Amino acid sequence: MQYMELLYEKFYRKLYLYALALVSDENEARDIVSEVMATVWQRLNQHNTQPNATYLYTLTRNRCLDYLRHTQAAQNYKAAEAVARTFQSDTEVEDYETYIIQLYDAIGQLPEPGQTILRHCYFKRLTYRQTAEALGITEAMVHRHMVKVFKLLREKLKNN
């Protein structure tokens, strides 16, 4: 039996299960492992080196991460496209821009530490835990301040 056949029999199922755990999509996991095997086959022919298990798992992980990055980018694009398509006229765009300006003004008028906490959580995209650690407060305090911040913002922007 050829080396690639042995490699395939020994690792395909393991790599498939590993990829499936990372991407949560059976078809995509199969495709990724097939790509990995094809890459190994090409490199075996070019360099005549035999890959080890670590190499195979690393290659599979990297392909899964590439897939997940691509999927996330596609989802972000679709979300942006969906927002862009909601505008039916220039007036709607202007109204939206006005609202955004009012929102930023309202955020600028928030009392501290609420303003800083909001900026950490939403502009820097930190979790409540990360925000708490950065500011030296408890996660519960971050949550309480966020509740107050949203209440204040709703009051300031309720006419919009």
C-alpha atoms as a PDB file:
ATOM      1  CA  MET A   1       0.000   0.000   0.000  1.00  0.00           C
ATOM      2  CA  GLN A   2       1.289   3.464  -0.821  1.00  0.00           C
ATOM      3  CA  TYR A   3       2.311   5.969   1.841  1.00  0.00           C
ATOM      4  CA  MET A   4      -0.553   8.379   1.053  1.00  0.00           C
ATOM      5  CA  GLU A   5      -3.103   5.579   1.376  1.00  0.00           C
ATOM      6  CA  LEU A   6      -1.718   4.680   4.783  1.00  0.00           C
ATOM      7  CA  LEU A   7      -1.690   8.314   5.816  1.00  0.00           C
ATOM      8  CA  TYR A   8      -5.258   8.735   4.624  1.00  0.00           C
ATOM      9  CA  GLU A   9      -6.474   5.650   6.492  1.00  0.00           C
ATOM     10  CA  LYS A  10      -4.676   6.617   9.672  1.00  0.00           C
ATOM     11  CA  PHE A  11      -5.535  10.323   9.818  1.00  0.00           C
ATOM     12  CA  TYR A  12      -8.569  11.166   7.680  1.00  0.00           C
ATOM     13  CA  ARG A  13     -11.213  10.368  10.308  1.00  0.00           C
ATOM     14  CA  LYS A  14      -9.247  12.034  13.111  1.00  0.00           C
ATOM     15  CA  LEU A  15      -8.644  15.174  11.053  1.00  0.00           C
ATOM     16  CA  TYR A  16     -12.277  15.222   9.950  1.00  0.00           C
ATOM     17  CA  LEU A  17     -13.511  15.106  13.556  1.00  0.00           C
ATOM     18  CA  TYR A  18     -11.019  17.820  14.504  1.00  0.00           C
ATOM     19  CA  ALA A  19     -12.154  20.049  11.629  1.00  0.00           C
ATOM     20  CA  LEU A  20     -15.805  19.357  12.426  1.00  0.00           C
ATOM     21  CA  ALA A  21     -15.268  20.473  16.015  1.00  0.00           C
ATOM     22  CA  LEU A  22     -13.786  23.737  14.741  1.00  0.00           C
ATOM     23  CA  VAL A  23     -16.158  24.638  11.891  1.00  0.00           C
ATOM     24  CA  SER A  24     -19.369  22.808  12.929  1.00  0.00           C
ATOM     25  CA  ASP A  25     -20.222  21.972   9.333  1.00  0.00           C
ATOM     26  CA  GLU A  26     -19.859  18.389   8.084  1.00  0.00           C
ATOM     27  CA  ASN A  27     -19.454  19.234   4.411  1.00  0.00           C
ATOM     28  CA  GLU A  28     -16.978  22.007   5.089  1.00  0.00           C
ATOM     29  CA  ALA A  29     -14.989  19.746   7.432  1.00  0.00           C
ATOM     30  CA  ARG A  30     -14.783  17.093   4.689  1.00  0.00           C
ATOM     31  CA  ASP A  31     -13.667  19.705   2.158  1.00  0.00           C
ATOM     32  CA  ILE A  32     -11.023  21.064   4.502  1.00  0.00           C
ATOM     33  CA  VAL A  33      -9.552  17.636   5.232  1.00  0.00           C
ATOM     34  CA  SER A  34      -9.602  16.815   1.522  1.00  0.00           C
ATOM     35  CA  GLU A  35      -7.675  20.036   0.843  1.00  0.00           C
ATOM     36  CA  VAL A  36      -5.199  19.130   3.575  1.00  0.00           C
ATOM     37  CA  MET A  37      -4.649  15.681   2.058  1.00  0.00           C
ATOM     38  CA  ALA A  38      -4.201  17.218  -1.394  1.00  0.00           C
ATOM     39  CA  THR A  39      -1.652  19.675  -0.009  1.00  0.00           C
ATOM     40  CA  VAL A  40       0.227  16.861   1.722  1.00  0.00           C
ATOM     41  CA  TRP A  41       0.201  14.858  -1.513  1.00  0.00           C
ATOM     42  CA  GLN A  42       1.626  17.815  -3.471  1.00  0.00           C
ATOM     43  CA  ARG A  43       4.330  18.505  -0.903  1.00  0.00           C
ATOM     44  CA  LEU A  44       5.205  14.815  -0.705  1.00  0.00           C
ATOM     45  CA  ASN A  45       5.754  14.767  -4.467  1.00  0.00           C
ATOM     46  CA  GLN A  46       7.708  18.035  -4.472  1.00  0.00           C
ATOM     47  CA  HIS A  47       9.868  17.644  -1.394  1.00  0.00           C
ATOM     48  CA  ASN A  48       9.769  13.911  -0.731  1.00  0.00           C
ATOM     49  CA  THR A  49       9.284  14.521   3.007  1.00  0.00           C
ATOM     50  CA  GLN A  50       6.835  12.621   5.148  1.00  0.00           C
ATOM     51  CA  PRO A  51       4.556  14.750   7.323  1.00  0.00           C
ATOM     52  CA  ASN A  52       3.986  13.981  10.988  1.00  0.00           C
ATOM     53  CA  ALA A  53       0.739  14.190  12.966  1.00  0.00           C
ATOM     54  CA  THR A  54       1.545  17.661  14.335  1.00  0.00           C
ATOM     55  CA  TYR A  55       1.957  19.005  10.824  1.00  0.00           C
ATOM     56  CA  LEU A  56      -1.348  17.487   9.698  1.00  0.00           C
ATOM     57  CA  TYR A  57      -3.271  18.902  12.650  1.00  0.00           C
ATOM     58  CA  THR A  58      -1.636  22.310  12.264  1.00  0.00           C
ATOM     59  CA  LEU A  59      -2.462  22.399   8.565  1.00  0.00           C
ATOM     60  CA  THR A  60      -6.065  21.374   9.323  1.00  0.00           C
ATOM     61  CA  ARG A  61      -6.396  23.991  12.066  1.00  0.00           C
ATOM     62  CA  ASN A  62      -5.057  26.727   9.806  1.00  0.00           C
ATOM     63  CA  ARG A  63      -7.458  25.784   7.006  1.00  0.00           C
ATOM     64  CA  CYS A  64     -10.345  25.835   9.498  1.00  0.00           C
ATOM     65  CA  LEU A  65      -9.304  29.267  10.744  1.00  0.00           C
ATOM     66  CA  ASP A  66      -9.100  30.540   7.164  1.00  0.00           C
ATOM     67  CA  TYR A  67     -12.598  29.233   6.538  1.00  0.00           C
ATOM     68  CA  LEU A  68     -13.936  30.836   9.731  1.00  0.00           C
ATOM     69  CA  ARG A  69     -12.287  34.183   8.899  1.00  0.00           C
ATOM     70  CA  HIS A  70     -13.777  34.098   5.416  1.00  0.00           C
ATOM     71  CA  THR A  71     -17.206  33.181   6.782  1.00  0.00           C
ATOM     72  CA  GLN A  72     -17.054  36.008   9.336  1.00  0.00           C
ATOM     73  CA  ALA A  73     -15.998  38.508   6.685  1.00  0.00           C
ATOM     74  CA  ALA A  74     -18.864  37.388   4.456  1.00  0.00           C
ATOM     75  CA  GLN A  75     -21.330  37.756   7.337  1.00  0.00           C
ATOM     76  CA  ASN A  76     -20.012  41.255   8.129  1.00  0.00           C
ATOM     77  CA  TYR A  77     -20.376  42.203   4.471  1.00  0.00           C
ATOM     78  CA  LYS A  78     -23.941  40.863   4.353  1.00  0.00           C
ATOM     79  CA  ALA A  79     -24.844  42.796   7.496  1.00  0.00           C
ATOM     80  CA  ALA A  80     -23.407  46.010   6.061  1.00  0.00           C
ATOM     81  CA  GLU A  81     -25.165  45.359   2.777  1.00  0.00           C
ATOM     82  CA  ALA A  82     -28.467  44.785   4.601  1.00  0.00           C
ATOM     83  CA  VAL A  83     -28.132  48.105   6.426  1.00  0.00           C
ATOM     84  CA  ALA A  84     -27.224  49.892   3.215  1.00  0.00           C
ATOM     85  CA  ARG A  85     -30.230  48.453   1.402  1.00  0.00           C
ATOM     86  CA  THR A  86     -32.656  49.734   4.032  1.00  0.00           C
ATOM     87  CA  PHE A  87     -32.200  53.284   2.756  1.00  0.00           C
ATOM     88  CA  GLN A  88     -34.692  54.084   0.030  1.00  0.00           C
ATOM     89  CA  SER A  89     -33.859  57.758  -0.456  1.00  0.00           C
ATOM     90  CA  ASP A  90     -31.315  60.448   0.259  1.00  0.00           C
ATOM     91  CA  THR A  91     -33.639  61.777   2.949  1.00  0.00           C
ATOM     92  CA  GLU A  92     -33.458  58.478   4.809  1.00  0.00           C
ATOM     93  CA  VAL A  93     -29.658  58.564   4.628  1.00  0.00           C
ATOM     94  CA  GLU A  94     -29.612  62.136   5.945  1.00  0.00           C
ATOM     95  CA  ASP A  95     -32.000  61.193   8.761  1.00  0.00           C
ATOM     96  CA  TYR A  96     -29.776  58.267   9.680  1.00  0.00           C
ATOM     97  CA  GLU A  97     -26.672  60.474   9.674  1.00  0.00           C
ATOM     98  CA  THR A  98     -28.452  63.013  11.857  1.00  0.00           C
ATOM     99  CA  TYR A  99     -29.423  60.276  14.278  1.00  0.00           C
ATOM    100  CA  ILE A 100     -25.849  59.003  14.451  1.00  0.00           C
ATOM    101  CA  ILE A 101     -24.588  62.524  15.190  1.00  0.00           C
ATOM    102  CA  GLN A 102     -27.205  62.887  17.934  1.00  0.00           C
ATOM    103  CA  LEU A 103     -26.218  59.504  19.348  1.00  0.00           C
ATOM    104  CA  TYR A 104     -22.541  60.448  19.506  1.00  0.00           C
ATOM    105  CA  ASP A 105     -23.444  63.806  21.108  1.00  0.00           C
ATOM    106  CA  ALA A 106     -25.579  62.000  23.694  1.00  0.00           C
ATOM    107  CA  ILE A 107     -22.723  59.589  24.428  1.00  0.00           C
ATOM    108  CA  GLY A 108     -20.391  62.570  24.888  1.00  0.00           C
ATOM    109  CA  GLN A 109     -22.778  64.009  27.486  1.00  0.00           C
ATOM    110  CA  LEU A 110     -22.949  60.835  29.586  1.00  0.00           C
ATOM    111  CA  PRO A 111     -21.518  61.060  33.094  1.00  0.00           C
ATOM    112  CA  GLU A 112     -18.367  59.181  33.997  1.00  0.00           C
ATOM    113  CA  PRO A 113     -17.612  56.329  34.440  1.00  0.00           C
ATOM    114  CA  GLY A 114     -20.616  55.333  32.299  1.00  0.00           C
ATOM    115  CA  GLN A 115     -19.238  57.001  29.178  1.00  0.00           C
ATOM    116  CA  THR A 116     -15.868  55.280  29.497  1.00  0.00           C
ATOM    117  CA  ILE A 117     -17.490  51.911  30.181  1.00  0.00           C
ATOM    118  CA  LEU A 118     -19.742  52.270  27.123  1.00  0.00           C
ATOM    119  CA  ARG A 119     -16.758  53.168  24.950  1.00  0.00           C
ATOM    120  CA  HIS A 120     -14.833  50.126  26.194  1.00  0.00           C
ATOM    121  CA  CYS A 121     -17.732  47.750  25.633  1.00  0.00           C
ATOM    122  CA  TYR A 122     -19.012  49.042  22.306  1.00  0.00           C
ATOM    123  CA  PHE A 123     -16.263  50.956  20.563  1.00  0.00           C
ATOM    124  CA  LYS A 124     -13.338  48.827  21.702  1.00  0.00           C
ATOM    125  CA  ARG A 125     -15.558  45.700  21.677  1.00  0.00           C
ATOM    126  CA  LEU A 126     -14.364  44.488  25.058  1.00  0.00           C
ATOM    127  CA  THR A 127     -16.419  42.109  27.154  1.00  0.00           C
ATOM    128  CA  TYR A 128     -17.784  43.205  30.514  1.00  0.00           C
ATOM    129  CA  ARG A 129     -15.038  41.161  32.165  1.00  0.00           C
ATOM    130  CA  GLN A 130     -12.294  42.759  30.060  1.00  0.00           C
ATOM    131  CA  THR A 131     -13.736  46.220  30.737  1.00  0.00           C
ATOM    132  CA  ALA A 132     -13.865  45.523  34.469  1.00  0.00           C
ATOM    133  CA  GLU A 133     -10.241  44.389  34.477  1.00  0.00           C
ATOM    134  CA  ALA A 134      -9.109  47.409  32.434  1.00  0.00           C
ATOM    135  CA  LEU A 135     -10.874  49.863  34.751  1.00  0.00           C
ATOM    136  CA  GLY A 136     -10.217  48.068  38.023  1.00  0.00           C
ATOM    137  CA  ILE A 137     -13.882  47.535  38.901  1.00  0.00           C
ATOM    138  CA  THR A 138     -16.121  44.494  39.192  1.00  0.00           C
ATOM    139  CA  GLU A 139     -18.026  42.965  36.318  1.00  0.00           C
ATOM    140  CA  ALA A 140     -21.262  43.650  38.232  1.00  0.00           C
ATOM    141  CA  MET A 141     -20.412  47.355  38.349  1.00  0.00           C
ATOM    142  CA  VAL A 142     -19.842  47.370  34.597  1.00  0.00           C
ATOM    143  CA  HIS A 143     -23.274  45.800  34.131  1.00  0.00           C
ATOM    144  CA  ARG A 144     -24.949  48.328  36.467  1.00  0.00           C
ATOM    145  CA  HIS A 145     -23.315  51.257  34.690  1.00  0.00           C
ATOM    146  CA  MET A 146     -24.363  49.893  31.284  1.00  0.00           C
ATOM    147  CA  VAL A 147     -27.989  49.636  32.467  1.00  0.00           C
ATOM    148  CA  LYS A 148     -27.830  53.289  33.578  1.00  0.00           C
ATOM    149  CA  VAL A 149     -26.128  54.354  30.342  1.00  0.00           C
ATOM    150  CA  PHE A 150     -28.775  52.719  28.155  1.00  0.00           C
ATOM    151  CA  LYS A 151     -31.559  54.250  30.233  1.00  0.00           C
ATOM    152  CA  LEU A 152     -30.010  57.718  29.852  1.00  0.00           C
ATOM    153  CA  LEU A 153     -29.466  57.243  26.114  1.00  0.00           C
ATOM    154  CA  ARG A 154     -33.059  56.084  25.612  1.00  0.00           C
ATOM    155  CA  GLU A 155     -34.296  59.187  27.446  1.00  0.00           C
ATOM    156  CA  LYS A 156     -32.083  61.535  25.414  1.00  0.00           C
ATOM    157  CA  LEU A 157     -32.951  59.923  22.094  1.00  0.00           C
ATOM    158  CA  LYS A 158     -36.618  58.976  22.686  1.00  0.00           C
ATOM    159  CA  ASN A 159     -37.895  61.539  20.183  1.00  0.00           C
ATOM    160  CA  ASN A 160     -35.869  59.955  17.411  1.00  0.00           C
END
